[in-house]
Protein backbone atom coordinates (compact mmCIF):
# COMPACT_ATOMS: atom_id res chain seq x y z
CA UNK A 1 0.00 0.00 0.00
CA UNK A 2 1.14 3.51 -0.78
CA UNK A 3 1.13 6.10 1.98
CA UNK A 4 -1.78 8.48 1.68
CA UNK A 5 0.55 11.51 1.39
CA UNK A 6 2.02 10.13 -1.86
CA UNK A 7 -1.41 10.11 -3.49
CA UNK A 8 -2.68 13.39 -2.04
CA UNK A 9 -2.56 15.10 -5.46
CA UNK A 10 -5.04 12.53 -6.80
CA UNK A 11 -7.63 12.97 -4.00
CA UNK A 12 -11.05 13.73 -5.49
CA UNK A 13 -10.06 12.78 -9.03
CA UNK A 14 -11.78 10.02 -10.99
CA UNK A 15 -10.15 6.71 -11.96
CA UNK A 16 -11.52 4.13 -14.39
CA UNK A 17 -10.57 0.59 -13.35
CA UNK A 18 -11.23 -2.26 -15.75
CA UNK A 19 -11.56 -5.77 -14.36
CA UNK A 20 -12.63 -4.25 -11.05
CA UNK A 21 -14.66 -7.23 -9.86
CA UNK A 22 -11.82 -9.63 -8.92
CA UNK A 23 -8.08 -9.95 -8.47
CA UNK A 24 -5.71 -7.09 -9.17
CA UNK A 25 -8.46 -4.87 -10.59
CA UNK A 26 -10.53 -5.19 -7.41
CA UNK A 27 -7.49 -4.56 -5.22
CA UNK A 28 -6.59 -1.45 -7.22
CA UNK A 29 -10.17 -0.14 -7.03
CA UNK A 30 -10.31 -0.62 -3.26
CA UNK A 31 -6.90 1.01 -2.75
CA UNK A 32 -7.76 4.03 -4.91
CA UNK A 33 -10.98 4.57 -2.94
CA UNK A 34 -8.99 4.28 0.29
CA UNK A 35 -6.66 6.98 -1.02
CA UNK A 36 -9.57 9.34 -1.71
CA UNK A 37 -10.23 8.85 -5.42
CA UNK A 38 -13.62 8.39 -7.00
CA UNK A 39 -13.60 5.05 -8.84
CA UNK A 40 -15.59 3.89 -11.83
CA UNK A 41 -15.32 0.12 -12.00
CA UNK A 42 -15.92 -1.95 -15.13
CA UNK A 43 -16.26 -5.73 -15.21
CA UNK A 44 -18.00 -8.55 -17.03
CA UNK A 45 -19.60 -10.01 -13.88
CA UNK A 46 -22.03 -7.48 -12.40
CA UNK A 47 -22.61 -9.62 -9.30
CA UNK A 48 -18.93 -9.63 -8.36
CA UNK A 49 -18.68 -5.94 -9.17
CA UNK A 50 -21.52 -5.21 -6.75
CA UNK A 51 -19.68 -7.14 -4.02
CA UNK A 52 -16.58 -5.02 -4.65
CA UNK A 53 -18.75 -1.90 -4.54
CA UNK A 54 -20.15 -2.94 -1.15
CA UNK A 55 -16.63 -3.42 0.18
CA UNK A 56 -15.60 0.04 -0.95
CA UNK A 57 -18.79 1.64 0.40
CA UNK A 58 -17.65 1.07 3.97
CA UNK A 59 -14.29 2.66 3.08
CA UNK A 60 -15.78 5.77 1.49
CA UNK A 61 -18.98 7.21 0.14
CA UNK A 62 -17.16 8.55 -2.91
CA UNK A 63 -18.23 5.67 -5.21
CA UNK A 64 -19.59 6.45 -8.66
C-alpha atoms as a PDB file:
ATOM      1  CA  UNK A   1       0.000   0.000   0.000  1.00  0.00           C
ATOM      2  CA  UNK A   2       1.139   3.505  -0.783  1.00  0.00           C
ATOM      3  CA  UNK A   3       1.132   6.104   1.979  1.00  0.00           C
ATOM      4  CA  UNK A   4      -1.778   8.485   1.681  1.00  0.00           C
ATOM      5  CA  UNK A   5       0.551  11.510   1.391  1.00  0.00           C
ATOM      6  CA  UNK A   6       2.022  10.133  -1.860  1.00  0.00           C
ATOM      7  CA  UNK A   7      -1.413  10.111  -3.488  1.00  0.00           C
ATOM      8  CA  UNK A   8      -2.685  13.391  -2.043  1.00  0.00           C
ATOM      9  CA  UNK A   9      -2.558  15.098  -5.455  1.00  0.00           C
ATOM     10  CA  UNK A  10      -5.040  12.530  -6.799  1.00  0.00           C
ATOM     11  CA  UNK A  11      -7.629  12.974  -4.005  1.00  0.00           C
ATOM     12  CA  UNK A  12     -11.049  13.730  -5.494  1.00  0.00           C
ATOM     13  CA  UNK A  13     -10.062  12.776  -9.033  1.00  0.00           C
ATOM     14  CA  UNK A  14     -11.775  10.019 -10.986  1.00  0.00           C
ATOM     15  CA  UNK A  15     -10.151   6.708 -11.956  1.00  0.00           C
ATOM     16  CA  UNK A  16     -11.517   4.128 -14.390  1.00  0.00           C
ATOM     17  CA  UNK A  17     -10.574   0.593 -13.353  1.00  0.00           C
ATOM     18  CA  UNK A  18     -11.232  -2.260 -15.747  1.00  0.00           C
ATOM     19  CA  UNK A  19     -11.563  -5.767 -14.361  1.00  0.00           C
ATOM     20  CA  UNK A  20     -12.628  -4.247 -11.048  1.00  0.00           C
ATOM     21  CA  UNK A  21     -14.660  -7.230  -9.862  1.00  0.00           C
ATOM     22  CA  UNK A  22     -11.819  -9.631  -8.916  1.00  0.00           C
ATOM     23  CA  UNK A  23      -8.082  -9.950  -8.473  1.00  0.00           C
ATOM     24  CA  UNK A  24      -5.712  -7.092  -9.166  1.00  0.00           C
ATOM     25  CA  UNK A  25      -8.456  -4.869 -10.591  1.00  0.00           C
ATOM     26  CA  UNK A  26     -10.534  -5.188  -7.414  1.00  0.00           C
ATOM     27  CA  UNK A  27      -7.495  -4.562  -5.218  1.00  0.00           C
ATOM     28  CA  UNK A  28      -6.591  -1.450  -7.222  1.00  0.00           C
ATOM     29  CA  UNK A  29     -10.171  -0.144  -7.030  1.00  0.00           C
ATOM     30  CA  UNK A  30     -10.306  -0.617  -3.259  1.00  0.00           C
ATOM     31  CA  UNK A  31      -6.901   1.015  -2.754  1.00  0.00           C
ATOM     32  CA  UNK A  32      -7.764   4.026  -4.914  1.00  0.00           C
ATOM     33  CA  UNK A  33     -10.977   4.573  -2.936  1.00  0.00           C
ATOM     34  CA  UNK A  34      -8.985   4.277   0.295  1.00  0.00           C
ATOM     35  CA  UNK A  35      -6.658   6.982  -1.018  1.00  0.00           C
ATOM     36  CA  UNK A  36      -9.571   9.344  -1.711  1.00  0.00           C
ATOM     37  CA  UNK A  37     -10.227   8.845  -5.422  1.00  0.00           C
ATOM     38  CA  UNK A  38     -13.620   8.386  -7.004  1.00  0.00           C
ATOM     39  CA  UNK A  39     -13.604   5.053  -8.837  1.00  0.00           C
ATOM     40  CA  UNK A  40     -15.592   3.895 -11.834  1.00  0.00           C
ATOM     41  CA  UNK A  41     -15.318   0.123 -11.995  1.00  0.00           C
ATOM     42  CA  UNK A  42     -15.922  -1.947 -15.126  1.00  0.00           C
ATOM     43  CA  UNK A  43     -16.256  -5.735 -15.213  1.00  0.00           C
ATOM     44  CA  UNK A  44     -17.999  -8.552 -17.025  1.00  0.00           C
ATOM     45  CA  UNK A  45     -19.602 -10.015 -13.883  1.00  0.00           C
ATOM     46  CA  UNK A  46     -22.031  -7.482 -12.400  1.00  0.00           C
ATOM     47  CA  UNK A  47     -22.614  -9.619  -9.300  1.00  0.00           C
ATOM     48  CA  UNK A  48     -18.929  -9.628  -8.361  1.00  0.00           C
ATOM     49  CA  UNK A  49     -18.681  -5.940  -9.172  1.00  0.00           C
ATOM     50  CA  UNK A  50     -21.516  -5.214  -6.749  1.00  0.00           C
ATOM     51  CA  UNK A  51     -19.676  -7.137  -4.020  1.00  0.00           C
ATOM     52  CA  UNK A  52     -16.576  -5.019  -4.651  1.00  0.00           C
ATOM     53  CA  UNK A  53     -18.754  -1.899  -4.537  1.00  0.00           C
ATOM     54  CA  UNK A  54     -20.151  -2.945  -1.153  1.00  0.00           C
ATOM     55  CA  UNK A  55     -16.627  -3.421   0.182  1.00  0.00           C
ATOM     56  CA  UNK A  56     -15.602   0.041  -0.951  1.00  0.00           C
ATOM     57  CA  UNK A  57     -18.787   1.637   0.401  1.00  0.00           C
ATOM     58  CA  UNK A  58     -17.654   1.072   3.974  1.00  0.00           C
ATOM     59  CA  UNK A  59     -14.293   2.662   3.084  1.00  0.00           C
ATOM     60  CA  UNK A  60     -15.776   5.771   1.492  1.00  0.00           C
ATOM     61  CA  UNK A  61     -18.982   7.213   0.142  1.00  0.00           C
ATOM     62  CA  UNK A  62     -17.157   8.546  -2.909  1.00  0.00           C
ATOM     63  CA  UNK A  63     -18.231   5.669  -5.209  1.00  0.00           C
ATOM     64  CA  UNK A  64     -19.592   6.447  -8.662  1.00  0.00           C
END
